[in-house]
Protein backbone atom coordinates (compact mmCIF):
# COMPACT_ATOMS: atom_id res chain seq x y z
CA UNK A 1 39.01 176.44 134.74
CA UNK A 2 39.44 179.51 137.12
CA UNK A 3 36.22 180.76 138.71
CA UNK A 4 36.96 184.86 137.20
CA UNK A 5 34.59 187.40 138.28
CA UNK A 6 32.90 187.45 135.17
CA UNK A 7 32.72 183.29 134.99
CA UNK A 8 31.11 183.41 138.33
CA UNK A 9 28.47 186.38 136.87
CA UNK A 10 27.63 184.36 133.94
CA UNK A 11 27.27 180.61 135.42
CA UNK A 12 25.37 182.50 138.54
CA UNK A 13 23.43 184.14 135.54
CA UNK A 14 22.39 180.50 133.71
CA UNK A 15 21.52 179.05 136.76
CA UNK A 16 19.57 181.81 138.92
CA UNK A 17 18.61 184.41 136.31
CA UNK A 18 19.73 187.92 135.63
CA UNK A 19 17.27 189.02 138.40
CA UNK A 20 18.19 186.97 140.99
CA UNK A 21 22.56 187.67 139.97
CA UNK A 22 21.84 191.61 140.41
CA UNK A 23 20.62 191.14 143.74
CA UNK A 24 24.39 189.75 144.72
CA UNK A 25 26.18 193.96 144.50
CA UNK A 26 29.48 192.53 145.48
CA UNK A 27 32.48 189.72 144.70
CA UNK A 28 32.35 188.44 147.53
CA UNK A 29 28.60 187.54 147.68
CA UNK A 30 28.77 185.78 144.11
CA UNK A 31 31.38 183.96 144.97
CA UNK A 32 29.94 182.84 148.12
CA UNK A 33 26.61 182.04 145.63
CA UNK A 34 28.63 180.30 143.30
CA UNK A 35 30.25 178.02 145.61
CA UNK A 36 27.24 177.08 147.75
CA UNK A 37 25.49 176.01 144.23
CA UNK A 38 27.99 174.07 143.10
CA UNK A 39 28.43 172.47 146.74
CA UNK A 40 24.69 171.24 146.37
CA UNK A 41 24.54 170.48 142.74
CA UNK A 42 27.63 168.07 143.40
CA UNK A 43 24.97 166.40 145.31
CA UNK A 44 22.02 167.04 144.03
CA UNK A 45 20.53 167.83 140.15
CA UNK A 46 21.17 171.22 139.01
CA UNK A 47 17.12 171.66 139.39
CA UNK A 48 17.41 170.87 143.15
CA UNK A 49 20.66 173.37 143.70
CA UNK A 50 18.32 176.14 141.96
CA UNK A 51 15.45 175.45 143.71
CA UNK A 52 17.09 175.24 147.13
CA UNK A 53 18.83 178.84 146.56
CA UNK A 54 15.88 180.82 146.09
CA UNK A 55 12.88 178.48 148.11
CA UNK A 56 12.52 179.23 151.88
CA UNK A 57 14.51 177.51 153.97
CA UNK A 58 13.88 176.51 157.85
CA UNK A 59 17.39 177.31 158.63
CA UNK A 60 17.29 180.79 157.63
CA UNK A 61 14.03 181.81 159.35
CA UNK A 62 12.35 181.26 155.75
CA UNK A 63 14.13 183.35 153.83
CA UNK A 64 15.81 182.21 150.18
CA UNK A 65 18.99 181.45 150.84
CA UNK A 66 20.32 183.74 147.51
CA UNK A 67 18.14 186.54 149.05
CA UNK A 68 20.15 186.20 152.99
CA UNK A 69 23.33 185.93 150.98
CA UNK A 70 22.69 189.50 149.11
CA UNK A 71 22.21 191.24 152.46
CA UNK A 72 25.49 189.49 153.89
CA UNK A 73 24.21 186.52 155.50
CA UNK A 74 26.41 183.95 153.58
CA UNK A 75 28.41 182.17 156.49
CA UNK A 76 24.77 181.62 157.51
CA UNK A 77 23.75 179.89 154.17
CA UNK A 78 27.03 177.82 154.09
CA UNK A 79 25.73 176.69 157.39
CA UNK A 80 22.16 176.36 155.94
CA UNK A 81 23.64 174.54 152.68
CA UNK A 82 25.82 171.83 154.68
CA UNK A 83 22.73 170.71 157.33
CA UNK A 84 20.67 170.54 154.00
CA UNK A 85 23.90 167.76 152.64
CA UNK A 86 23.55 166.22 155.35
CA UNK A 87 19.90 165.76 155.99
CA UNK A 88 19.84 167.34 158.57
CA UNK A 89 16.44 169.93 158.87
CA UNK A 90 15.76 170.45 162.53
């Protein structure tokens, strides 16, 4: 199934809620958030992926990944997600 912009937005809204999804103002931000959420959710529960996306993250100076993506830091969030999935927190 193809990830169309509408599907991506609908998925993000279901996973994170409308207020957080609305913080992602362009398609590239939404695509990055969708991709990162799915990467985590394939190895963890969806609830863990949600908590990771909205919680403070030490790799992002204690900023929530979803907010970092909204500020144009998708590459940093992807690196933080890789660190999380690899068990690297220092």
